[in-house]
Amino acid sequence: MEMKKFITTCLALTVATSAFAADPNYKADVPASLITPDTVKTKYLGDLKFVDGFPTDATLKKSYDFLDTSRAVQLFTSGIPTASMHGLLKGHRDIGVKPNKTLAITEELLDARSLWLTPNTTTPYIHAELNVKDGPVVFEVGTPVIGIVDNAFFLYVADVGLGGADKGKGGKYLLVGKDYKGEIPEGYFVLRTNTYRHWLFLRAVGKPGESLKDTLTAFKAGFKLYPLAQAKNPEPNDYINISGKKYNTIHAGDASIYDELNEVIQYEPANSGDPAMLGLAAELGISKGKPFTPDARIKKILNEAASIGNAASRAVMFKPRDRTEYFYPDRQWFSPLADGSSAFLDKNGARMLDRRIGFHYFATGITPFMVSPTPGSGSVYEIAATDATGKMLSGNNTYSVTLPAPVPAKAFWSFMVYDVQTRSILETDQKTGGLDSMAKDLKANADGSYTVYFASKPPKGKEGNWVQTMPNKGFHVLLRLYSPLQPWFDKTWKPGDFELVK
């Protein structure tokens, strides 16, 4: 029996060999680049085996595991804006902010007890959730504001106030979803959108010398938010003072981010998200109208991918590899918005992916007004995560930063210090979490420049120019220039780096 099997095998091999020995009548000149060898060596998957181009079972498994892992990493990084908006809106709903009804206001400003991505503690925030699932929504602005509307995928919809259609004079805005079939009444600034949920984010602009309390009182008196269906008799709005509240608005950094993305995809209209991101999600079992029930294999892959995606996001955020992201050749200050595109597009129309990841991992709120090219308007942002030698900033050290005179900020400038883990305000004993040019104890140098110190304890005699950090904690810093002037735009002015004080 064994001999018969052996002879049959030999005959089969002989036939196969003879078949390949003679060239076929129709034969192409096949480039070597089209041929897959029987063994291919790779860095990440080891040896991949093939039989005349067919992947073996082991190679099939490796290939699909890698595909799913790489897609899950891409979904993590490309989904950060969506997860960030989900976290922002959900965090506020959790503390009582009702869509189309409630305005949340930081009446006593923010501090480290509230987890936000890179907030400031200098200006009051006013925000609300707009939801057009049941029809258009109206908001009326009666006093000057600076504001934006971003959609559920953290894409820009419109500016409001000084940078918007009302130009700071106030007016009625109407947000209309793509599935609305009714009439559009006259007398509104009409905003079109393809998602249900939105974030309305405002800063009230006060009169010269006006107190914060008076500015907010005037804002409340002139603002209304309601569904269009209530236009003839709007219900009064609720106001919540969210200063000092403990709550979280920041998206997950582990595999639960995929659950957050699933919630958004299930809630928002079909086809409202980026097709590429939705495609990545669908390949992993996240698809509108279907339950997301990953099996043990996919759960393992999602955990691995989230770890890689989180690491990659932190890499491009805290130490960008593209030197054009840095404002000055000889400084460590950088920004994902350095090219002036809030859509993260280069001059050839290509999406700058690392910058988009870094920005949304770091910050919240997106609008072209953030990169206004007009001196004396808007605001600009510079980030520092490393000292003058390129080492990550540490609370174990004392640093000094000097801003040369005159600082090109028509309104004011500020430093804010943030926790590397949360990207929110660093937890210290300083409520402000930073320092701005309006601080009463801030002292200028003899030449009009300012030197600010970052340390766990203030250098002697420098208490008014000190920002507190914490031992054994990493931190990063955002320098804001409000109403920046021409020397910032033409780069004839540049801030000093973080210098180690010994």
Protein backbone atom coordinates (compact mmCIF):
# COMPACT_ATOMS: atom_id res chain seq x y z
CA MET A 1 0.00 0.00 0.00
CA GLU A 2 2.80 2.39 0.91
CA MET A 3 4.62 1.52 -2.33
CA LYS A 4 1.49 2.23 -4.37
CA LYS A 5 1.15 5.63 -2.68
CA PHE A 6 4.80 6.39 -3.37
CA ILE A 7 4.49 5.45 -7.07
CA THR A 8 1.31 7.62 -7.42
CA THR A 9 3.10 10.58 -5.88
CA CYS A 10 6.11 10.15 -8.17
CA LEU A 11 3.87 9.97 -11.22
CA ALA A 12 2.09 13.17 -10.17
CA LEU A 13 5.40 14.95 -9.68
CA THR A 14 6.64 13.71 -13.06
CA VAL A 15 3.51 14.97 -14.80
CA ALA A 16 3.76 18.32 -12.99
CA THR A 17 7.45 18.65 -13.83
CA SER A 18 6.94 17.82 -17.48
CA ALA A 19 4.05 20.27 -17.65
CA PHE A 20 6.26 23.08 -16.43
CA ALA A 21 9.29 21.97 -18.44
CA ALA A 22 7.84 23.01 -21.78
CA ASP A 23 7.04 26.67 -22.42
CA PRO A 24 3.40 27.34 -23.29
CA ASN A 25 2.55 28.58 -26.76
CA TYR A 26 1.41 31.90 -25.36
CA LYS A 27 4.04 33.36 -23.05
CA ALA A 28 4.51 36.88 -21.70
CA ASP A 29 7.67 38.62 -20.57
CA VAL A 30 6.78 38.72 -16.87
CA PRO A 31 8.69 41.30 -14.75
CA ALA A 32 10.28 39.94 -11.60
CA SER A 33 8.29 42.52 -9.60
CA LEU A 34 5.09 40.57 -10.35
CA ILE A 35 6.35 37.28 -8.92
CA THR A 36 5.85 36.38 -5.24
CA PRO A 37 8.67 34.12 -4.01
CA ASP A 38 7.85 31.04 -1.97
CA THR A 39 9.35 32.74 1.11
CA VAL A 40 9.25 36.46 1.84
CA LYS A 41 11.06 37.80 4.88
CA THR A 42 9.46 40.76 6.70
CA LYS A 43 10.36 42.80 9.76
CA TYR A 44 6.98 42.72 11.48
CA LEU A 45 5.50 39.37 10.38
CA GLY A 46 8.61 37.22 10.00
CA ASP A 47 8.71 34.72 7.13
CA LEU A 48 5.66 34.67 4.86
CA LYS A 49 5.19 31.40 2.96
CA PHE A 50 3.54 30.92 -0.46
CA VAL A 51 2.91 28.03 -2.83
CA ASP A 52 3.22 29.44 -6.35
CA GLY A 53 1.73 32.71 -5.06
CA PHE A 54 -0.98 31.16 -2.89
CA PRO A 55 -0.51 32.22 0.77
CA THR A 56 -0.31 29.33 3.19
CA ASP A 57 -2.77 29.12 6.08
CA ALA A 58 -0.16 30.59 8.44
CA THR A 59 0.50 33.48 6.05
CA LEU A 60 -3.23 34.09 5.68
CA LYS A 61 -3.59 34.41 9.44
CA LYS A 62 -0.59 36.73 9.77
CA SER A 63 -1.84 38.88 6.89
CA TYR A 64 -5.36 39.28 8.23
CA ASP A 65 -4.15 39.95 11.76
CA PHE A 66 -1.83 42.64 10.43
CA LEU A 67 -4.53 44.16 8.22
CA ASP A 68 -6.99 44.35 11.10
CA THR A 69 -4.37 45.74 13.48
CA SER A 70 -3.17 48.39 11.02
CA ARG A 71 -6.75 49.39 10.25
CA ALA A 72 -7.54 49.62 13.95
CA VAL A 73 -4.48 51.85 14.47
CA GLN A 74 -5.62 54.07 11.59
CA LEU A 75 -9.13 54.16 13.03
CA PHE A 76 -7.74 55.20 16.41
CA THR A 77 -5.74 58.09 14.96
CA SER A 78 -8.25 59.22 12.32
CA GLY A 79 -11.11 58.83 14.80
CA ILE A 80 -9.58 61.08 17.49
CA PRO A 81 -11.56 64.18 16.37
CA THR A 82 -14.82 62.22 16.44
CA ALA A 83 -14.09 60.64 19.81
CA SER A 84 -13.01 64.02 21.16
CA MET A 85 -16.31 65.67 20.22
CA HIS A 86 -18.18 62.68 21.64
CA GLY A 87 -16.34 63.07 24.94
CA LEU A 88 -16.85 66.83 25.02
CA LEU A 89 -20.60 66.69 24.52
CA LYS A 90 -21.20 63.60 26.66
CA GLY A 91 -19.14 65.03 29.52
CA HIS A 92 -21.41 68.06 29.64
CA ARG A 93 -24.61 66.06 29.24
CA ASP A 94 -23.45 64.03 32.25
CA ILE A 95 -23.54 67.18 34.41
CA GLY A 96 -26.93 68.35 33.24
CA VAL A 97 -26.40 70.20 29.95
CA LYS A 98 -29.50 69.56 27.85
CA PRO A 99 -29.31 69.87 24.04
CA ASN A 100 -30.98 72.99 22.59
CA LYS A 101 -31.81 74.15 26.11
CA THR A 102 -28.85 74.59 28.47
CA LEU A 103 -25.91 76.95 28.35
CA ALA A 104 -22.87 75.95 30.38
CA ILE A 105 -20.74 78.90 31.52
CA THR A 106 -17.45 79.06 33.41
CA GLU A 107 -18.57 82.05 35.45
CA GLU A 108 -15.57 81.77 37.79
CA LEU A 109 -13.35 80.46 34.96
CA LEU A 110 -11.88 76.96 34.75
CA ASP A 111 -9.40 75.13 36.93
CA ALA A 112 -7.79 71.68 37.05
CA ARG A 113 -10.86 70.04 38.59
CA SER A 114 -12.55 69.98 35.17
CA LEU A 115 -10.91 67.77 32.56
CA TRP A 116 -10.74 69.58 29.23
CA LEU A 117 -8.25 69.51 26.39
CA THR A 118 -6.01 72.58 26.75
CA PRO A 119 -8.46 75.12 28.17
CA ASN A 120 -7.41 78.49 29.49
CA THR A 121 -8.26 80.07 32.84
CA THR A 122 -8.26 83.66 31.63
CA THR A 123 -11.46 83.97 29.60
CA PRO A 124 -14.94 82.61 30.38
CA TYR A 125 -16.27 79.81 28.20
CA ILE A 126 -19.91 79.57 27.12
CA HIS A 127 -21.10 76.53 25.28
CA ALA A 128 -24.07 74.38 24.38
CA GLU A 129 -25.05 71.27 22.46
CA LEU A 130 -27.05 71.87 19.31
CA ASN A 131 -29.00 68.87 18.01
CA VAL A 132 -30.97 69.03 14.76
CA LYS A 133 -32.22 65.42 14.80
CA ASP A 134 -35.78 66.63 15.40
CA GLY A 135 -35.54 69.75 13.25
CA PRO A 136 -33.62 73.03 12.81
CA VAL A 137 -32.30 74.90 15.84
CA VAL A 138 -32.12 78.66 16.40
CA PHE A 139 -29.66 80.62 18.51
CA GLU A 140 -29.85 84.37 18.88
CA VAL A 141 -26.81 86.45 19.79
CA GLY A 142 -27.38 89.93 21.19
CA THR A 143 -23.91 91.02 22.33
CA PRO A 144 -20.44 90.72 20.74
CA VAL A 145 -18.97 87.22 20.95
CA ILE A 146 -16.24 85.12 19.41
CA GLY A 147 -17.63 81.68 18.67
CA ILE A 148 -17.73 78.58 16.50
CA VAL A 149 -20.00 75.70 15.58
CA ASP A 150 -18.29 72.33 15.02
CA ASN A 151 -20.12 69.14 14.06
CA ALA A 152 -20.18 65.62 15.51
CA PHE A 153 -17.02 64.64 13.65
CA PHE A 154 -15.26 67.81 14.86
CA LEU A 155 -15.46 69.45 11.47
CA TYR A 156 -15.92 73.19 11.14
CA VAL A 157 -19.43 74.43 10.36
CA ALA A 158 -19.32 78.18 10.99
CA ASP A 159 -17.95 81.09 12.98
CA VAL A 160 -20.26 83.16 15.13
CA GLY A 161 -19.86 86.76 16.27
CA LEU A 162 -16.82 88.85 15.37
CA GLY A 163 -15.51 86.22 12.96
CA GLY A 164 -18.96 85.15 11.76
CA ALA A 165 -21.84 86.38 9.67
CA ASP A 166 -23.09 88.90 12.25
CA LYS A 167 -19.63 90.57 12.51
CA GLY A 168 -20.13 91.17 16.23
CA LYS A 169 -23.41 93.03 15.78
CA GLY A 170 -25.59 90.10 16.83
CA GLY A 171 -28.34 88.28 14.97
CA LYS A 172 -30.29 85.07 14.56
CA TYR A 173 -28.59 81.87 13.39
CA LEU A 174 -30.48 78.85 12.06
CA LEU A 175 -28.77 75.44 12.01
CA VAL A 176 -30.43 73.12 9.47
CA GLY A 177 -29.79 69.39 9.00
CA LYS A 178 -29.53 67.76 5.59
CA ASP A 179 -32.74 65.74 6.02
CA TYR A 180 -34.96 68.76 6.80
CA LYS A 181 -37.66 69.20 4.13
CA GLY A 182 -39.53 72.20 5.52
CA GLU A 183 -39.36 75.85 4.57
CA ILE A 184 -36.47 78.08 5.63
CA PRO A 185 -37.84 81.30 7.14
CA GLU A 186 -36.28 84.67 6.37
CA GLY A 187 -34.26 86.76 8.78
CA TYR A 188 -31.65 84.15 9.78
CA PHE A 189 -28.02 83.43 9.11
CA VAL A 190 -28.53 79.90 7.80
CA LEU A 191 -25.96 77.21 8.62
CA ARG A 192 -26.14 73.85 6.83
CA THR A 193 -24.93 70.61 8.41
CA ASN A 194 -24.92 66.86 7.78
CA THR A 195 -24.75 65.66 11.41
CA TYR A 196 -27.20 65.82 14.31
CA ARG A 197 -25.00 66.87 17.21
CA HIS A 198 -22.88 70.03 17.34
CA TRP A 199 -20.86 72.07 19.77
CA LEU A 200 -21.57 75.77 20.07
CA PHE A 201 -18.60 77.43 21.74
CA LEU A 202 -18.61 81.14 22.60
CA ARG A 203 -16.53 83.76 24.36
CA ALA A 204 -18.36 86.90 25.42
CA VAL A 205 -16.57 90.11 24.48
CA GLY A 206 -16.97 92.79 27.13
CA LYS A 207 -16.73 96.55 26.88
CA PRO A 208 -13.51 98.27 28.01
CA GLY A 209 -13.38 98.29 31.80
CA GLU A 210 -16.47 96.10 32.12
CA SER A 211 -16.43 93.40 34.81
CA LEU A 212 -16.75 89.72 33.92
CA LYS A 213 -20.04 89.57 35.80
CA ASP A 214 -21.51 92.47 33.83
CA THR A 215 -20.29 91.00 30.54
CA LEU A 216 -21.98 87.67 31.25
CA THR A 217 -25.16 89.36 32.48
CA ALA A 218 -25.41 91.31 29.22
CA PHE A 219 -24.72 88.14 27.22
CA LYS A 220 -27.48 86.17 28.96
CA ALA A 221 -29.96 88.99 28.42
CA GLY A 222 -29.32 88.94 24.67
CA PHE A 223 -28.98 85.22 23.99
CA LYS A 224 -31.63 82.61 23.16
CA LEU A 225 -31.39 78.96 22.11
CA TYR A 226 -34.42 76.94 20.99
CA PRO A 227 -35.78 74.60 18.31
CA LEU A 228 -37.25 76.38 15.29
CA ALA A 229 -40.56 74.72 16.14
CA GLN A 230 -40.69 76.95 19.25
CA ALA A 231 -39.94 80.18 17.35
CA LYS A 232 -43.27 81.79 18.27
CA ASN A 233 -42.92 80.99 21.97
CA PRO A 234 -39.40 79.78 22.92
CA GLU A 235 -38.91 78.10 26.27
CA PRO A 236 -36.49 79.96 28.56
CA ASN A 237 -32.93 78.69 28.63
CA ASP A 238 -31.21 77.03 31.56
CA TYR A 239 -27.80 78.27 32.69
CA ILE A 240 -25.29 76.11 34.55
CA ASN A 241 -22.17 77.51 36.16
CA ILE A 242 -19.63 74.75 35.50
CA SER A 243 -16.66 76.42 37.22
CA GLY A 244 -15.09 74.09 39.78
CA LYS A 245 -17.13 71.04 38.75
CA LYS A 246 -15.38 67.68 38.53
CA TYR A 247 -16.20 66.03 35.23
CA ASN A 248 -14.45 64.64 32.17
CA THR A 249 -14.75 65.72 28.53
CA ILE A 250 -11.69 63.89 27.14
CA HIS A 251 -11.88 60.82 24.92
CA ALA A 252 -10.40 57.45 25.89
CA GLY A 253 -6.80 56.50 25.17
CA ASP A 254 -7.36 52.75 25.35
CA ALA A 255 -9.53 50.29 23.39
CA SER A 256 -12.74 51.82 24.76
CA ILE A 257 -12.24 54.57 22.16
CA TYR A 258 -13.74 52.12 19.66
CA ASP A 259 -16.92 51.97 21.76
CA GLU A 260 -17.02 55.78 21.71
CA LEU A 261 -16.69 55.78 17.92
CA ASN A 262 -19.41 53.15 17.65
CA GLU A 263 -21.79 55.35 19.68
CA VAL A 264 -21.25 58.24 17.27
CA ILE A 265 -21.66 56.11 14.16
CA GLN A 266 -24.87 54.55 15.51
CA TYR A 267 -26.37 57.92 16.44
CA GLU A 268 -25.42 60.12 13.49
CA PRO A 269 -27.05 59.88 10.03
CA ALA A 270 -25.71 57.31 7.59
CA ASN A 271 -23.10 58.75 5.21
CA SER A 272 -22.45 61.76 7.46
CA GLY A 273 -18.90 60.73 8.37
CA ASP A 274 -15.72 60.51 6.32
CA PRO A 275 -16.05 57.41 4.06
CA ALA A 276 -12.46 56.33 4.73
CA MET A 277 -12.95 56.40 8.50
CA LEU A 278 -16.33 54.67 8.23
CA GLY A 279 -14.70 52.03 6.04
CA LEU A 280 -11.98 51.34 8.60
CA ALA A 281 -14.64 51.05 11.29
CA ALA A 282 -16.80 48.71 9.19
CA GLU A 283 -13.88 46.33 8.57
CA LEU A 284 -13.61 45.97 12.36
CA GLY A 285 -17.32 45.40 12.93
CA ILE A 286 -18.41 48.99 13.65
CA SER A 287 -21.21 49.77 11.21
CA LYS A 288 -24.39 51.80 11.51
CA GLY A 289 -27.43 49.70 12.33
CA LYS A 290 -25.42 46.70 13.47
CA PRO A 291 -24.39 45.67 17.00
CA PHE A 292 -20.69 46.01 17.75
CA THR A 293 -19.81 42.65 19.34
CA PRO A 294 -16.10 41.98 18.77
CA ASP A 295 -14.96 38.41 19.38
CA ALA A 296 -11.90 37.47 21.41
CA ARG A 297 -9.58 37.83 18.41
CA ILE A 298 -10.79 41.32 17.50
CA LYS A 299 -10.73 42.44 21.15
CA LYS A 300 -7.08 41.43 21.36
CA ILE A 301 -6.33 43.31 18.14
CA LEU A 302 -8.18 46.43 19.34
CA ASN A 303 -6.21 46.47 22.58
CA GLU A 304 -2.94 46.17 20.66
CA ALA A 305 -3.96 48.81 18.12
CA ALA A 306 -5.08 51.27 20.79
CA SER A 307 -1.71 50.97 22.49
CA ILE A 308 0.08 51.67 19.21
CA GLY A 309 -2.33 54.43 18.19
CA ASN A 310 -2.00 56.18 21.53
CA ALA A 311 1.81 56.02 21.36
CA ALA A 312 1.82 57.34 17.79
CA SER A 313 -0.54 60.18 18.70
CA ARG A 314 1.68 61.19 21.60
CA ALA A 315 4.75 61.04 19.36
CA VAL A 316 3.36 63.41 16.73
CA MET A 317 1.86 65.64 19.43
CA PHE A 318 4.81 66.14 21.75
CA LYS A 319 7.76 65.90 19.36
CA PRO A 320 6.79 66.44 15.70
CA ARG A 321 9.28 65.08 13.18
CA ASP A 322 8.38 67.63 10.46
CA ARG A 323 10.57 70.67 11.07
CA THR A 324 8.16 72.89 9.10
CA GLU A 325 5.80 72.48 12.04
CA TYR A 326 8.24 74.52 14.13
CA PHE A 327 7.86 78.29 13.94
CA TYR A 328 11.56 79.11 14.04
CA PRO A 329 14.62 77.11 12.88
CA ASP A 330 16.41 77.70 16.17
CA ARG A 331 13.52 77.27 18.61
CA GLN A 332 11.46 74.42 20.06
CA TRP A 333 8.08 76.18 19.70
CA PHE A 334 5.71 74.47 17.26
CA SER A 335 2.08 74.12 16.24
CA PRO A 336 0.05 71.76 14.01
CA LEU A 337 -1.42 75.00 12.59
CA ALA A 338 1.98 76.43 11.63
CA ASP A 339 1.11 76.34 7.91
CA GLY A 340 -2.05 78.36 8.50
CA SER A 341 -4.52 75.66 7.45
CA SER A 342 -7.26 74.71 9.89
CA ALA A 343 -8.18 71.89 7.48
CA PHE A 344 -4.57 70.59 7.66
CA LEU A 345 -4.07 70.79 3.89
CA ASP A 346 -0.70 71.55 2.33
CA LYS A 347 -0.23 73.72 -0.76
CA ASN A 348 -0.79 70.68 -3.01
CA GLY A 349 -4.07 69.77 -1.34
CA ALA A 350 -2.67 66.79 0.58
CA ARG A 351 -3.96 66.16 4.09
CA MET A 352 -1.18 66.60 6.66
CA LEU A 353 -2.17 63.58 8.71
CA ASP A 354 0.31 63.92 11.56
CA ARG A 355 -0.75 67.52 12.12
CA ARG A 356 -4.42 66.60 12.18
CA ILE A 357 -3.74 63.82 14.68
CA GLY A 358 -1.54 66.02 16.84
CA PHE A 359 -3.96 68.94 16.91
CA HIS A 360 -7.03 66.96 17.88
CA TYR A 361 -5.12 64.85 20.39
CA PHE A 362 -3.98 68.10 21.99
CA ALA A 363 -6.72 70.68 21.56
CA THR A 364 -10.41 71.29 21.09
CA GLY A 365 -12.30 73.58 18.74
CA ILE A 366 -11.46 74.12 15.08
CA THR A 367 -12.06 77.18 12.91
CA PRO A 368 -10.21 79.15 10.20
CA PHE A 369 -10.44 82.13 12.57
CA MET A 370 -7.70 80.43 14.62
CA VAL A 371 -5.28 81.05 11.78
CA SER A 372 -6.49 84.49 10.75
CA PRO A 373 -3.75 86.23 8.69
CA THR A 374 -4.95 89.67 9.78
CA PRO A 375 -2.77 91.37 12.41
CA GLY A 376 -4.68 92.58 15.44
CA SER A 377 -7.42 89.95 15.24
CA GLY A 378 -7.99 86.41 16.48
CA SER A 379 -5.38 84.57 18.48
CA VAL A 380 -2.34 82.39 17.84
CA TYR A 381 -0.89 79.45 19.71
CA GLU A 382 2.63 78.14 20.20
CA ILE A 383 3.38 74.85 21.95
CA ALA A 384 6.46 73.84 23.92
CA ALA A 385 6.95 70.30 25.16
CA THR A 386 10.76 70.26 25.26
CA ASP A 387 13.49 72.51 26.60
CA ALA A 388 16.15 74.30 24.55
CA THR A 389 18.14 71.04 24.26
CA GLY A 390 15.16 68.98 23.06
CA LYS A 391 14.51 67.17 26.35
CA MET A 392 10.92 66.71 27.55
CA LEU A 393 9.83 69.23 30.18
CA SER A 394 9.87 67.89 33.73
CA GLY A 395 8.49 69.21 37.00
CA ASN A 396 11.74 68.17 38.64
CA ASN A 397 13.50 71.12 36.99
CA THR A 398 13.30 74.89 37.07
CA TYR A 399 13.01 76.62 33.70
CA SER A 400 12.91 80.22 32.54
CA VAL A 401 11.34 81.58 29.37
CA THR A 402 11.89 85.13 28.16
CA LEU A 403 9.48 87.00 25.90
CA PRO A 404 11.37 89.83 24.18
CA ALA A 405 9.92 93.34 24.24
CA PRO A 406 7.54 94.37 22.95
CA VAL A 407 5.38 91.24 23.01
CA PRO A 408 3.25 91.47 19.83
CA ALA A 409 -0.16 90.97 21.43
CA LYS A 410 -2.64 93.84 21.09
CA ALA A 411 -4.95 92.38 23.74
CA PHE A 412 -2.80 90.22 26.05
CA TRP A 413 -0.61 87.13 26.18
CA SER A 414 -0.75 84.06 28.41
CA PHE A 415 1.07 80.88 29.36
CA MET A 416 -0.90 77.76 30.33
CA VAL A 417 0.69 74.59 31.65
CA TYR A 418 -0.88 71.19 30.95
CA ASP A 419 -0.54 67.63 32.21
CA VAL A 420 1.10 65.33 29.65
CA GLN A 421 -1.26 62.47 30.54
CA THR A 422 -4.58 64.31 30.29
CA ARG A 423 -3.61 67.35 28.17
CA SER A 424 -5.80 69.24 30.63
CA ILE A 425 -4.71 71.82 33.22
CA LEU A 426 -1.86 70.55 35.37
CA GLU A 427 -3.03 69.83 38.93
CA THR A 428 -1.17 72.21 41.25
CA ASP A 429 -1.95 74.63 44.08
CA GLN A 430 -2.23 77.47 41.55
CA LYS A 431 -5.85 77.89 40.45
CA THR A 432 -4.83 79.72 37.29
CA GLY A 433 -2.66 76.87 35.96
CA GLY A 434 -0.59 79.52 34.26
CA LEU A 435 0.14 83.21 33.99
CA ASP A 436 -0.95 86.06 31.74
CA SER A 437 0.10 89.61 31.04
CA MET A 438 -2.83 90.98 33.06
CA ALA A 439 -1.54 89.44 36.33
CA LYS A 440 -1.13 92.25 38.85
CA ASP A 441 2.13 90.91 40.33
CA LEU A 442 3.85 90.27 36.99
CA LYS A 443 7.04 92.30 36.62
CA ALA A 444 8.79 93.26 33.40
CA ASN A 445 12.56 93.28 32.98
CA ALA A 446 14.40 96.58 32.64
CA ASP A 447 14.25 96.38 28.83
CA GLY A 448 10.49 95.69 28.83
CA SER A 449 10.82 91.95 28.20
CA TYR A 450 9.25 89.37 30.49
CA THR A 451 10.94 86.34 32.05
CA VAL A 452 8.60 83.67 33.40
CA TYR A 453 9.72 80.77 35.61
CA PHE A 454 8.29 77.25 35.60
CA ALA A 455 9.11 75.24 38.72
CA SER A 456 7.54 73.37 41.63
CA LYS A 457 8.57 76.26 43.90
CA PRO A 458 9.06 79.92 42.97
CA PRO A 459 12.62 81.24 42.64
CA LYS A 460 13.24 83.77 45.39
CA GLY A 461 11.98 87.22 44.44
CA LYS A 462 10.24 85.89 41.28
CA GLU A 463 6.91 84.87 42.80
CA GLY A 464 4.90 87.19 40.52
CA ASN A 465 6.52 85.69 37.40
CA TRP A 466 6.13 82.06 38.44
CA VAL A 467 4.03 79.18 37.07
CA GLN A 468 3.83 76.16 39.34
CA THR A 469 4.72 72.66 38.12
CA MET A 470 4.81 69.38 40.06
CA PRO A 471 7.77 67.12 40.93
CA ASN A 472 7.89 63.87 38.93
CA LYS A 473 5.26 65.15 36.49
CA GLY A 474 5.83 65.95 32.85
CA PHE A 475 4.15 69.02 31.42
CA HIS A 476 3.79 71.02 28.25
CA VAL A 477 2.97 74.68 27.72
CA LEU A 478 0.79 76.73 25.42
CA LEU A 479 1.71 80.34 24.71
CA ARG A 480 -1.28 82.34 23.48
CA LEU A 481 -1.09 85.75 21.83
CA TYR A 482 -4.48 87.43 21.71
CA SER A 483 -4.87 89.83 18.78
CA PRO A 484 -1.31 89.17 17.51
CA LEU A 485 0.54 91.97 15.75
CA GLN A 486 2.71 92.06 12.61
CA PRO A 487 6.04 91.10 14.29
CA TRP A 488 4.54 87.70 15.09
CA PHE A 489 3.39 87.13 11.51
CA ASP A 490 6.68 88.10 9.89
CA LYS A 491 8.66 86.24 12.59
CA THR A 492 10.78 89.24 13.54
CA TRP A 493 9.70 88.45 17.11
CA LYS A 494 10.19 85.05 18.69
CA PRO A 495 9.92 83.79 22.27
CA GLY A 496 12.89 82.28 24.04
CA ASP A 497 13.05 78.55 24.63
CA PHE A 498 12.70 76.84 28.00
CA GLU A 499 16.11 77.28 29.54
CA LEU A 500 17.20 75.07 32.45
CA VAL A 501 17.92 77.12 35.56
CA LYS A 502 20.67 75.54 37.64
